[in-house]
Each structure stands twice: as structure tokens, then as C-alpha cells.
């Protein structure tokens, strides 16, 4: 069994641009080794926005050396980047962007959401790239809700949306997520019904994090996990149980550790200081491309 290592609570929210009131549920730095291959997770909202004519969000900014994964629960987010890709994602949709060698992008509320107003709720996950792929060609995967397989948990306990990786159901049928990843991982959107329990399996030796977005759950019959808390499970073992006291929404993040140095500065995450300096120089020299007009 994967035992519980610890539970962390979210700090107060901070604004990312003027469109995303985010709580950083975890971040690398001193914890980079135990979080690997994951770096950071921001939970934005739920927050209500009034109608307006000027889109709120974050203007053009760079990234290098990792991937950003945006999952929308409520509202709509529009994206553009220097590869020429972009689009709008809404409830249930996912945007998986590979910064790789360097990308510029911006993120705003969609025009329709800006005009109508409403509730915004989303998470953004940063996934580290292996050293050999830090300079991969930048890319963008738009993954819509209809493309994401949904598997029922045994005994009507709830469901699993498989964004990345694989889930084996009670009938031993495999459900594979559409996201293409550079290292082995599972990213699952889990819905648990109140009063139900389930046992989940993750590979022995993998980092496993449970992010509770809604509801209250109990892990391994012991610790209570509440909204906007993150549970870290031991890498040893392969199973653990979750029991929902009420209807709950969780994000399960599990991945093979990269076991490589992590050096980050702002929007750049590399393996050493020299690579960070090169990233800054390349950005200042315009080598990350240009945003479409």
C-alpha cells in the first residue's frame, strides 16, 4: 500500500494578471525531488467575474524547459502562442502546451466569457521535461472533453476521466488518455460519489499526488483531505484507498521521477544555471519566435 507522507494546504490566493486569482497548491524549489516530474500547480477560482468589454488575463510571456497543462472546470480560456497555435477551451477541456526550446504565449478569458461574465474555475499544472527533451520543438495539444475517455469506478463509486496515462477498470479493460507526454505519467480527473470508497493503483516507485478540489475525502482510512489540499503518497507500494464523505472532485497526478537537477528562474526551468542564463539571453535576442498579430 502507498502510505500517506503528508498533506499541504493552499496559501492565500494571488492574482496572475487580472484574470486568474490563483492558489499555488504546490511548487518546486526545495521539494523538486519529491514532486518530480511535476513542478507546480495553481488552482484558480472558483471566482465570479462581471461582464466587460476588455478580456482579463495574462499578456505575452515566455517559457522554456517544461510543459503547462490547463484544465478548465468552469468558464472559458483563450490561448495564443508563437507557434501559431491557439483556441478556446471550456468546461472539461484541456490545453497541453510544450514550451520546450522556448515559446511565447498569452492567456485571457474568451471573448464570449468576457462579454457574458460568470464563474471561472481551472487548474494549471507545470510538468517538467527530461533533460534530453528540454530543447524539444514547442507544441500545443488542444484536448476537448469529448476526446477524454471516462471510466466508471467499481461499485458505482464514481468515475475517472483519463487525461494522460492509463486506467485499468474492474473488468481489466484499459482506458488511455489522449495527451502525449515525454515521460510516463497519469493525469486523472476523478469524481467520487458521497459515501463511496474506491481503491486506486499507481506504479510502485512513482510520485503520487492527490489534489482535492471539492468535497472531503479520507485516505487509507486515516487522514482527512479537504478542499484545496494536496496529499503526497509514498513512492513505495502500489494501492491506496479514498472514501468520499460527500461528492468530491480530485485531480490525481502520478509519474515516474526524473531524478535530475531542477533549476528554475521565473518562466524558465532547466537543469543548471548556465542553461538558465542561455534561456534569458535567447529570449532577449528574440529567439523564442513571435506572437501572431
C-alpha atoms as a PDB file:
ATOM      1  CA  UNK A   1       0.000   0.000   0.000  1.00  0.00           C
ATOM      2  CA  UNK A   2       1.110   3.559  -0.714  1.00  0.00           C
ATOM      3  CA  UNK A   3       1.137   5.247   2.676  1.00  0.00           C
ATOM      4  CA  UNK A   4       0.395   8.914   3.250  1.00  0.00           C
ATOM      5  CA  UNK A   5       3.531  11.072   3.502  1.00  0.00           C
ATOM      6  CA  UNK A   6       1.844  14.386   4.241  1.00  0.00           C
ATOM      7  CA  UNK A   7      -0.880  16.915   3.479  1.00  0.00           C
ATOM      8  CA  UNK A   8      -0.325  20.549   2.475  1.00  0.00           C
ATOM      9  CA  UNK A   9      -2.876  23.344   2.439  1.00  0.00           C
ATOM     10  CA  UNK A  10      -3.150  26.178  -0.059  1.00  0.00           C
ATOM     11  CA  UNK A  11      -1.720  29.604   0.777  1.00  0.00           C
ATOM     12  CA  UNK A  12      -3.851  32.721   0.170  1.00  0.00           C
ATOM     13  CA  UNK A  13      -4.703  33.456  -3.457  1.00  0.00           C
ATOM     14  CA  UNK A  14      -2.612  35.781  -5.579  1.00  0.00           C
ATOM     15  CA  UNK A  15      -3.540  37.357  -8.901  1.00  0.00           C
ATOM     16  CA  UNK A  16      -1.941  36.074 -12.100  1.00  0.00           C
ATOM     17  CA  UNK A  17      -2.507  39.010 -14.422  1.00  0.00           C
ATOM     18  CA  UNK A  18      -6.004  40.375 -13.825  1.00  0.00           C
ATOM     19  CA  UNK A  19      -7.910  37.238 -14.816  1.00  0.00           C
ATOM     20  CA  UNK A  20      -6.765  34.403 -12.591  1.00  0.00           C
ATOM     21  CA  UNK A  21      -6.965  34.506  -8.765  1.00  0.00           C
ATOM     22  CA  UNK A  22      -4.701  31.517  -8.133  1.00  0.00           C
ATOM     23  CA  UNK A  23      -3.700  29.491  -5.104  1.00  0.00           C
ATOM     24  CA  UNK A  24      -0.376  27.652  -5.555  1.00  0.00           C
ATOM     25  CA  UNK A  25      -1.193  24.223  -4.144  1.00  0.00           C
ATOM     26  CA  UNK A  26       2.390  23.057  -4.601  1.00  0.00           C
ATOM     27  CA  UNK A  27       5.615  24.357  -6.079  1.00  0.00           C
ATOM     28  CA  UNK A  28       9.125  23.041  -6.684  1.00  0.00           C
ATOM     29  CA  UNK A  29      12.281  24.540  -5.168  1.00  0.00           C
ATOM     30  CA  UNK A  30      13.273  22.569  -2.059  1.00  0.00           C
ATOM     31  CA  UNK A  31      10.589  19.985  -2.920  1.00  0.00           C
ATOM     32  CA  UNK A  32      11.618  19.445  -6.546  1.00  0.00           C
ATOM     33  CA  UNK A  33      12.946  15.926  -5.990  1.00  0.00           C
ATOM     34  CA  UNK A  34       9.868  14.636  -4.171  1.00  0.00           C
ATOM     35  CA  UNK A  35       7.435  16.271  -6.641  1.00  0.00           C
ATOM     36  CA  UNK A  36       9.202  15.106  -9.836  1.00  0.00           C
ATOM     37  CA  UNK A  37       8.138  15.026 -12.651  1.00  0.00           C
ATOM     38  CA  UNK A  38       5.642  17.699 -11.517  1.00  0.00           C
ATOM     39  CA  UNK A  39       6.740  21.243 -10.753  1.00  0.00           C
ATOM     40  CA  UNK A  40       3.826  23.442  -9.767  1.00  0.00           C
ATOM     41  CA  UNK A  41       0.051  23.525  -9.603  1.00  0.00           C
ATOM     42  CA  UNK A  42      -2.106  26.660  -9.439  1.00  0.00           C
ATOM     43  CA  UNK A  43      -5.826  26.425  -8.666  1.00  0.00           C
ATOM     44  CA  UNK A  44      -7.682  29.470  -9.993  1.00  0.00           C
ATOM     45  CA  UNK A  45     -11.138  30.152  -8.622  1.00  0.00           C
ATOM     46  CA  UNK A  46     -13.917  29.445  -8.350  1.00  0.00           C
ATOM     47  CA  UNK A  47     -14.256  33.188  -8.897  1.00  0.00           C
ATOM     48  CA  UNK A  48     -17.099  35.262 -10.309  1.00  0.00           C
ATOM     49  CA  UNK A  49     -16.428  37.881 -12.977  1.00  0.00           C
ATOM     50  CA  UNK A  50     -18.817  40.599 -14.113  1.00  0.00           C
ATOM     51  CA  UNK A  51     -19.410  41.218 -17.838  1.00  0.00           C
ATOM     52  CA  UNK A  52     -16.982  43.589 -19.501  1.00  0.00           C
ATOM     53  CA  UNK A  53     -15.642  44.530 -22.927  1.00  0.00           C
ATOM     54  CA  UNK A  54     -11.907  44.086 -22.247  1.00  0.00           C
ATOM     55  CA  UNK A  55     -10.706  40.490 -21.778  1.00  0.00           C
ATOM     56  CA  UNK A  56      -8.985  39.798 -18.469  1.00  0.00           C
ATOM     57  CA  UNK A  57      -5.941  37.556 -18.305  1.00  0.00           C
ATOM     58  CA  UNK A  58      -2.174  37.412 -18.736  1.00  0.00           C
ATOM     59  CA  UNK A  59      -0.356  39.067 -21.629  1.00  0.00           C
ATOM     60  CA  UNK A  60       2.545  37.733 -23.674  1.00  0.00           C
ATOM     61  CA  UNK A  61       5.213  35.902 -21.659  1.00  0.00           C
ATOM     62  CA  UNK A  62       7.862  33.226 -22.314  1.00  0.00           C
ATOM     63  CA  UNK A  63       8.540  29.666 -21.097  1.00  0.00           C
ATOM     64  CA  UNK A  64      11.335  27.136 -21.663  1.00  0.00           C
ATOM     65  CA  UNK A  65      12.110  23.656 -20.382  1.00  0.00           C
ATOM     66  CA  UNK A  66       8.719  22.288 -19.285  1.00  0.00           C
ATOM     67  CA  UNK A  67       5.043  21.888 -20.184  1.00  0.00           C
ATOM     68  CA  UNK A  68       1.911  23.655 -18.944  1.00  0.00           C
ATOM     69  CA  UNK A  69      -1.350  21.745 -18.587  1.00  0.00           C
ATOM     70  CA  UNK A  70      -4.529  23.817 -18.193  1.00  0.00           C
ATOM     71  CA  UNK A  71      -7.758  22.051 -17.168  1.00  0.00           C
ATOM     72  CA  UNK A  72     -10.963  24.112 -17.181  1.00  0.00           C
ATOM     73  CA  UNK A  73     -13.859  23.237 -14.864  1.00  0.00           C
ATOM     74  CA  UNK A  74     -15.977  26.390 -15.332  1.00  0.00           C
ATOM     75  CA  UNK A  75     -15.700  29.324 -17.732  1.00  0.00           C
ATOM     76  CA  UNK A  76     -13.604  29.668 -20.877  1.00  0.00           C
ATOM     77  CA  UNK A  77      -9.953  30.477 -21.555  1.00  0.00           C
ATOM     78  CA  UNK A  78      -8.441  31.643 -24.853  1.00  0.00           C
ATOM     79  CA  UNK A  79      -4.821  30.856 -25.742  1.00  0.00           C
ATOM     80  CA  UNK A  80      -2.402  32.060 -28.438  1.00  0.00           C
ATOM     81  CA  UNK A  81       1.269  31.196 -28.839  1.00  0.00           C
ATOM     82  CA  UNK A  82       4.311  31.831 -31.017  1.00  0.00           C
ATOM     83  CA  UNK A  83       3.904  28.526 -32.882  1.00  0.00           C
ATOM     84  CA  UNK A  84       0.734  29.981 -34.409  1.00  0.00           C
ATOM     85  CA  UNK A  85      -1.500  27.649 -32.425  1.00  0.00           C
ATOM     86  CA  UNK A  86      -4.342  28.675 -30.163  1.00  0.00           C
ATOM     87  CA  UNK A  87      -8.013  28.379 -29.421  1.00  0.00           C
ATOM     88  CA  UNK A  88     -10.638  28.406 -26.711  1.00  0.00           C
ATOM     89  CA  UNK A  89     -11.096  25.730 -24.060  1.00  0.00           C
ATOM     90  CA  UNK A  90     -14.179  25.409 -21.871  1.00  0.00           C
ATOM     91  CA  UNK A  91     -15.526  23.097 -19.163  1.00  0.00           C
ATOM     92  CA  UNK A  92     -13.866  19.674 -19.337  1.00  0.00           C
ATOM     93  CA  UNK A  93     -11.313  20.742 -21.942  1.00  0.00           C
ATOM     94  CA  UNK A  94      -7.530  20.595 -21.554  1.00  0.00           C
ATOM     95  CA  UNK A  95      -4.696  22.582 -23.095  1.00  0.00           C
ATOM     96  CA  UNK A  96      -1.314  20.799 -23.017  1.00  0.00           C
ATOM     97  CA  UNK A  97       1.450  23.170 -24.135  1.00  0.00           C
ATOM     98  CA  UNK A  98       5.073  22.101 -24.592  1.00  0.00           C
ATOM     99  CA  UNK A  99       7.367  25.074 -24.069  1.00  0.00           C
ATOM    100  CA  UNK A 100      10.458  23.004 -24.917  1.00  0.00           C
ATOM    101  CA  UNK A 101      13.169  25.151 -26.501  1.00  0.00           C
ATOM    102  CA  UNK A 102      11.111  28.295 -25.992  1.00  0.00           C
ATOM    103  CA  UNK A 103       7.626  29.631 -26.568  1.00  0.00           C
ATOM    104  CA  UNK A 104       5.705  32.876 -26.140  1.00  0.00           C
ATOM    105  CA  UNK A 105       2.012  32.798 -25.274  1.00  0.00           C
ATOM    106  CA  UNK A 106      -0.848  34.687 -23.707  1.00  0.00           C
ATOM    107  CA  UNK A 107      -3.938  33.550 -21.816  1.00  0.00           C
ATOM    108  CA  UNK A 108      -7.171  35.506 -21.491  1.00  0.00           C
ATOM    109  CA  UNK A 109     -10.818  34.931 -20.748  1.00  0.00           C
ATOM    110  CA  UNK A 110     -12.527  34.050 -24.027  1.00  0.00           C
ATOM    111  CA  UNK A 111     -14.500  36.806 -25.815  1.00  0.00           C
ATOM    112  CA  UNK A 112     -17.808  35.061 -25.038  1.00  0.00           C
ATOM    113  CA  UNK A 113     -16.965  34.644 -21.337  1.00  0.00           C
ATOM    114  CA  UNK A 114     -15.712  38.228 -21.153  1.00  0.00           C
ATOM    115  CA  UNK A 115     -18.985  39.544 -22.570  1.00  0.00           C
ATOM    116  CA  UNK A 116     -21.296  37.315 -20.525  1.00  0.00           C
ATOM    117  CA  UNK A 117     -19.325  37.086 -17.276  1.00  0.00           C
ATOM    118  CA  UNK A 118     -19.714  34.135 -14.940  1.00  0.00           C
ATOM    119  CA  UNK A 119     -17.707  31.732 -12.793  1.00  0.00           C
ATOM    120  CA  UNK A 120     -14.155  30.740 -13.690  1.00  0.00           C
ATOM    121  CA  UNK A 121     -12.533  27.640 -12.227  1.00  0.00           C
ATOM    122  CA  UNK A 122      -9.411  25.990 -13.615  1.00  0.00           C
ATOM    123  CA  UNK A 123      -6.070  24.480 -12.692  1.00  0.00           C
ATOM    124  CA  UNK A 124      -2.708  24.898 -14.346  1.00  0.00           C
ATOM    125  CA  UNK A 125      -0.067  22.235 -13.842  1.00  0.00           C
ATOM    126  CA  UNK A 126       3.607  22.557 -14.755  1.00  0.00           C
ATOM    127  CA  UNK A 127       5.207  19.274 -15.858  1.00  0.00           C
ATOM    128  CA  UNK A 128       8.989  19.066 -16.071  1.00  0.00           C
ATOM    129  CA  UNK A 129      10.705  17.812 -19.207  1.00  0.00           C
ATOM    130  CA  UNK A 130      13.563  15.289 -19.068  1.00  0.00           C
ATOM    131  CA  UNK A 131      16.994  16.826 -19.715  1.00  0.00           C
ATOM    132  CA  UNK A 132      17.140  15.210 -23.165  1.00  0.00           C
ATOM    133  CA  UNK A 133      13.859  16.906 -24.131  1.00  0.00           C
ATOM    134  CA  UNK A 134      14.371  20.369 -22.594  1.00  0.00           C
ATOM    135  CA  UNK A 135      15.010  21.789 -26.066  1.00  0.00           C
ATOM    136  CA  UNK A 136      12.204  19.904 -27.808  1.00  0.00           C
ATOM    137  CA  UNK A 137      10.237  21.678 -30.521  1.00  0.00           C
ATOM    138  CA  UNK A 138       7.464  23.753 -28.892  1.00  0.00           C
ATOM    139  CA  UNK A 139       3.988  22.343 -29.353  1.00  0.00           C
ATOM    140  CA  UNK A 140       0.333  22.589 -28.375  1.00  0.00           C
ATOM    141  CA  UNK A 141      -2.288  19.906 -27.779  1.00  0.00           C
ATOM    142  CA  UNK A 142      -5.908  21.033 -27.618  1.00  0.00           C
ATOM    143  CA  UNK A 143      -7.770  18.188 -25.909  1.00  0.00           C
ATOM    144  CA  UNK A 144     -11.517  18.575 -25.807  1.00  0.00           C
ATOM    145  CA  UNK A 145     -13.850  16.993 -23.277  1.00  0.00           C
ATOM    146  CA  UNK A 146     -15.327  14.692 -25.927  1.00  0.00           C
ATOM    147  CA  UNK A 147     -11.862  13.216 -26.598  1.00  0.00           C
ATOM    148  CA  UNK A 148     -11.179  12.244 -22.988  1.00  0.00           C
ATOM    149  CA  UNK A 149     -12.270   8.696 -22.051  1.00  0.00           C
ATOM    150  CA  UNK A 150     -14.408   8.293 -18.935  1.00  0.00           C
ATOM    151  CA  UNK A 151     -14.261   5.035 -16.974  1.00  0.00           C
ATOM    152  CA  UNK A 152     -16.667   4.016 -14.224  1.00  0.00           C
ATOM    153  CA  UNK A 153     -15.184   3.156 -10.837  1.00  0.00           C
ATOM    154  CA  UNK A 154     -16.283  -0.182  -9.324  1.00  0.00           C
ATOM    155  CA  UNK A 155     -19.442  -0.364  -7.196  1.00  0.00           C
ATOM    156  CA  UNK A 156     -20.837   2.900  -8.597  1.00  0.00           C
ATOM    157  CA  UNK A 157     -18.220   4.841  -6.631  1.00  0.00           C
ATOM    158  CA  UNK A 158     -17.759   7.474  -9.335  1.00  0.00           C
ATOM    159  CA  UNK A 159     -15.702   7.939 -12.471  1.00  0.00           C
ATOM    160  CA  UNK A 160     -12.228   8.636 -13.835  1.00  0.00           C
ATOM    161  CA  UNK A 161     -11.512  10.919 -16.802  1.00  0.00           C
ATOM    162  CA  UNK A 162      -8.146   9.800 -18.192  1.00  0.00           C
ATOM    163  CA  UNK A 163      -6.349  12.893 -19.492  1.00  0.00           C
ATOM    164  CA  UNK A 164      -2.930  11.243 -19.665  1.00  0.00           C
ATOM    165  CA  UNK A 165      -1.681   7.743 -18.974  1.00  0.00           C
ATOM    166  CA  UNK A 166      -3.817   4.667 -18.432  1.00  0.00           C
ATOM    167  CA  UNK A 167      -6.569   3.459 -16.120  1.00  0.00           C
ATOM    168  CA  UNK A 168      -7.431  -0.256 -15.838  1.00  0.00           C
ATOM    169  CA  UNK A 169     -11.070  -0.717 -14.834  1.00  0.00           C
ATOM    170  CA  UNK A 170     -12.667  -3.511 -12.797  1.00  0.00           C
ATOM    171  CA  UNK A 171     -13.111  -5.599 -15.942  1.00  0.00           C
ATOM    172  CA  UNK A 172      -9.373  -5.265 -16.745  1.00  0.00           C
ATOM    173  CA  UNK A 173     -10.166  -3.009 -19.703  1.00  0.00           C
ATOM    174  CA  UNK A 174      -7.582  -0.278 -20.371  1.00  0.00           C
ATOM    175  CA  UNK A 175      -8.594   3.361 -20.854  1.00  0.00           C
ATOM    176  CA  UNK A 176      -5.814   5.508 -22.339  1.00  0.00           C
ATOM    177  CA  UNK A 177      -5.676   9.287 -22.187  1.00  0.00           C
ATOM    178  CA  UNK A 178      -5.177  11.351 -25.379  1.00  0.00           C
ATOM    179  CA  UNK A 179      -2.330  13.549 -24.060  1.00  0.00           C
ATOM    180  CA  UNK A 180       1.126  12.799 -25.437  1.00  0.00           C
ATOM    181  CA  UNK A 181       3.791  13.009 -22.714  1.00  0.00           C
ATOM    182  CA  UNK A 182       7.598  12.967 -22.643  1.00  0.00           C
ATOM    183  CA  UNK A 183       7.825  10.751 -19.541  1.00  0.00           C
ATOM    184  CA  UNK A 184       5.449   8.138 -18.090  1.00  0.00           C
ATOM    185  CA  UNK A 185       2.645   9.649 -16.016  1.00  0.00           C
ATOM    186  CA  UNK A 186      -1.043   9.552 -15.147  1.00  0.00           C
ATOM    187  CA  UNK A 187      -3.216  12.651 -15.003  1.00  0.00           C
ATOM    188  CA  UNK A 188      -6.737  11.677 -13.957  1.00  0.00           C
ATOM    189  CA  UNK A 189      -9.789  13.806 -13.183  1.00  0.00           C
ATOM    190  CA  UNK A 190     -11.615  11.747 -10.534  1.00  0.00           C
ATOM    191  CA  UNK A 191     -15.233  12.174  -9.426  1.00  0.00           C
ATOM    192  CA  UNK A 192     -16.177  10.289  -6.221  1.00  0.00           C
ATOM    193  CA  UNK A 193     -19.753   9.904  -5.044  1.00  0.00           C
ATOM    194  CA  UNK A 194     -20.539  10.776  -1.436  1.00  0.00           C
ATOM    195  CA  UNK A 195     -20.452   7.782   0.911  1.00  0.00           C
ATOM    196  CA  UNK A 196     -18.476   5.665  -1.560  1.00  0.00           C
ATOM    197  CA  UNK A 197     -14.919   4.337  -1.370  1.00  0.00           C
ATOM    198  CA  UNK A 198     -12.529   3.131  -4.052  1.00  0.00           C
ATOM    199  CA  UNK A 199      -9.063   1.615  -4.290  1.00  0.00           C
ATOM    200  CA  UNK A 200      -6.720   3.064  -6.909  1.00  0.00           C
ATOM    201  CA  UNK A 201      -3.471   1.610  -8.200  1.00  0.00           C
ATOM    202  CA  UNK A 202      -0.350   3.507  -9.260  1.00  0.00           C
ATOM    203  CA  UNK A 203       3.055   2.046 -10.179  1.00  0.00           C
ATOM    204  CA  UNK A 204       5.465   1.251  -7.383  1.00  0.00           C
ATOM    205  CA  UNK A 205       8.227   3.874  -7.323  1.00  0.00           C
ATOM    206  CA  UNK A 206       6.170   6.679  -8.850  1.00  0.00           C
ATOM    207  CA  UNK A 207       5.432  10.058  -7.311  1.00  0.00           C
ATOM    208  CA  UNK A 208       1.703  10.201  -6.468  1.00  0.00           C
ATOM    209  CA  UNK A 209      -0.201  13.365  -5.529  1.00  0.00           C
ATOM    210  CA  UNK A 210      -3.917  13.773  -4.816  1.00  0.00           C
ATOM    211  CA  UNK A 211      -5.309  17.285  -5.273  1.00  0.00           C
ATOM    212  CA  UNK A 212      -8.750  17.796  -3.736  1.00  0.00           C
ATOM    213  CA  UNK A 213     -10.749  20.499  -5.497  1.00  0.00           C
ATOM    214  CA  UNK A 214     -14.191  19.865  -3.992  1.00  0.00           C
ATOM    215  CA  UNK A 215     -15.614  17.838  -1.141  1.00  0.00           C
ATOM    216  CA  UNK A 216     -13.972  15.949   1.715  1.00  0.00           C
ATOM    217  CA  UNK A 217     -12.268  12.552   1.477  1.00  0.00           C
ATOM    218  CA  UNK A 218     -10.425  10.149   3.759  1.00  0.00           C
ATOM    219  CA  UNK A 219      -7.217   8.490   2.587  1.00  0.00           C
ATOM    220  CA  UNK A 220      -6.369   4.932   3.636  1.00  0.00           C
ATOM    221  CA  UNK A 221      -8.973   5.173   6.375  1.00  0.00           C
ATOM    222  CA  UNK A 222      -6.852   7.726   8.216  1.00  0.00           C
ATOM    223  CA  UNK A 223      -6.182  11.318   7.138  1.00  0.00           C
ATOM    224  CA  UNK A 224      -8.992  13.672   6.077  1.00  0.00           C
ATOM    225  CA  UNK A 225      -8.299  15.699   2.932  1.00  0.00           C
ATOM    226  CA  UNK A 226     -10.261  18.937   2.484  1.00  0.00           C
ATOM    227  CA  UNK A 227     -10.783  21.374  -0.387  1.00  0.00           C
ATOM    228  CA  UNK A 228      -7.623  22.932  -1.862  1.00  0.00           C
ATOM    229  CA  UNK A 229      -5.338  20.472  -0.056  1.00  0.00           C
ATOM    230  CA  UNK A 230      -2.762  18.135  -1.592  1.00  0.00           C
ATOM    231  CA  UNK A 231      -1.876  14.679  -0.280  1.00  0.00           C
ATOM    232  CA  UNK A 232       1.526  13.208  -1.085  1.00  0.00           C
ATOM    233  CA  UNK A 233       1.720   9.415  -1.048  1.00  0.00           C
ATOM    234  CA  UNK A 234       4.827   7.277  -0.634  1.00  0.00           C
ATOM    235  CA  UNK A 235       6.565   6.044  -3.764  1.00  0.00           C
ATOM    236  CA  UNK A 236       6.752   2.539  -2.289  1.00  0.00           C
ATOM    237  CA  UNK A 237       3.676   0.372  -2.771  1.00  0.00           C
ATOM    238  CA  UNK A 238       1.008   0.500  -5.439  1.00  0.00           C
ATOM    239  CA  UNK A 239      -2.505   0.827  -3.966  1.00  0.00           C
ATOM    240  CA  UNK A 240      -4.379   3.253  -1.716  1.00  0.00           C
ATOM    241  CA  UNK A 241      -7.999   3.875  -0.794  1.00  0.00           C
ATOM    242  CA  UNK A 242     -10.117   7.021  -0.947  1.00  0.00           C
ATOM    243  CA  UNK A 243     -13.502   7.381   0.743  1.00  0.00           C
ATOM    244  CA  UNK A 244     -15.697  10.380  -0.027  1.00  0.00           C
ATOM    245  CA  UNK A 245     -17.725  11.900   2.797  1.00  0.00           C
ATOM    246  CA  UNK A 246     -19.642  13.885   0.160  1.00  0.00           C
ATOM    247  CA  UNK A 247     -19.405  14.264  -3.609  1.00  0.00           C
ATOM    248  CA  UNK A 248     -15.772  15.030  -4.375  1.00  0.00           C
ATOM    249  CA  UNK A 249     -13.587  16.152  -7.278  1.00  0.00           C
ATOM    250  CA  UNK A 250      -9.913  15.164  -7.237  1.00  0.00           C
ATOM    251  CA  UNK A 251      -7.007  15.500  -9.599  1.00  0.00           C
ATOM    252  CA  UNK A 252      -4.669  12.515  -9.438  1.00  0.00           C
ATOM    253  CA  UNK A 253      -1.093  13.180 -10.566  1.00  0.00           C
ATOM    254  CA  UNK A 254       1.297  10.256 -10.742  1.00  0.00           C
ATOM    255  CA  UNK A 255       4.566   9.979 -12.608  1.00  0.00           C
ATOM    256  CA  UNK A 256       7.964   8.361 -12.887  1.00  0.00           C
ATOM    257  CA  UNK A 257      10.531  10.603 -11.140  1.00  0.00           C
ATOM    258  CA  UNK A 258      13.096  12.151 -13.489  1.00  0.00           C
ATOM    259  CA  UNK A 259      15.916  12.109 -10.892  1.00  0.00           C
ATOM    260  CA  UNK A 260      17.589  15.127 -12.488  1.00  0.00           C
ATOM    261  CA  UNK A 261      18.599  18.548 -11.122  1.00  0.00           C
ATOM    262  CA  UNK A 262      15.904  21.239 -11.243  1.00  0.00           C
ATOM    263  CA  UNK A 263      16.964  24.874 -11.564  1.00  0.00           C
ATOM    264  CA  UNK A 264      14.227  27.419 -12.160  1.00  0.00           C
ATOM    265  CA  UNK A 265      14.041  31.157 -12.586  1.00  0.00           C
ATOM    266  CA  UNK A 266      10.642  32.641 -13.293  1.00  0.00           C
ATOM    267  CA  UNK A 267       9.296  31.143 -16.535  1.00  0.00           C
ATOM    268  CA  UNK A 268      12.387  29.006 -17.229  1.00  0.00           C
ATOM    269  CA  UNK A 269      13.076  25.575 -15.691  1.00  0.00           C
ATOM    270  CA  UNK A 270      16.320  23.868 -16.677  1.00  0.00           C
ATOM    271  CA  UNK A 271      18.993  21.589 -15.179  1.00  0.00           C
ATOM    272  CA  UNK A 272      21.751  24.098 -14.356  1.00  0.00           C
ATOM    273  CA  UNK A 273      22.462  27.825 -14.069  1.00  0.00           C
ATOM    274  CA  UNK A 274      24.258  28.002 -17.417  1.00  0.00           C
ATOM    275  CA  UNK A 275      21.086  26.811 -19.192  1.00  0.00           C
ATOM    276  CA  UNK A 276      19.035  29.413 -17.310  1.00  0.00           C
ATOM    277  CA  UNK A 277      21.397  32.185 -18.469  1.00  0.00           C
ATOM    278  CA  UNK A 278      21.154  30.870 -22.049  1.00  0.00           C
ATOM    279  CA  UNK A 279      17.342  30.909 -21.825  1.00  0.00           C
ATOM    280  CA  UNK A 280      17.338  34.540 -20.688  1.00  0.00           C
ATOM    281  CA  UNK A 281      19.782  35.530 -23.427  1.00  0.00           C
ATOM    282  CA  UNK A 282      17.834  33.683 -26.119  1.00  0.00           C
ATOM    283  CA  UNK A 283      14.593  35.320 -25.010  1.00  0.00           C
ATOM    284  CA  UNK A 284      16.166  38.795 -25.011  1.00  0.00           C
ATOM    285  CA  UNK A 285      17.509  38.167 -28.520  1.00  0.00           C
ATOM    286  CA  UNK A 286      14.073  37.230 -29.870  1.00  0.00           C
ATOM    287  CA  UNK A 287      14.825  33.536 -30.363  1.00  0.00           C
ATOM    288  CA  UNK A 288      11.504  32.358 -28.915  1.00  0.00           C
ATOM    289  CA  UNK A 289       9.647  33.388 -32.054  1.00  0.00           C
ATOM    290  CA  UNK A 290       6.916  35.982 -32.401  1.00  0.00           C
ATOM    291  CA  UNK A 291       3.254  36.131 -31.488  1.00  0.00           C
ATOM    292  CA  UNK A 292       0.765  36.253 -34.361  1.00  0.00           C
ATOM    293  CA  UNK A 293      -0.645  39.712 -34.982  1.00  0.00           C
END
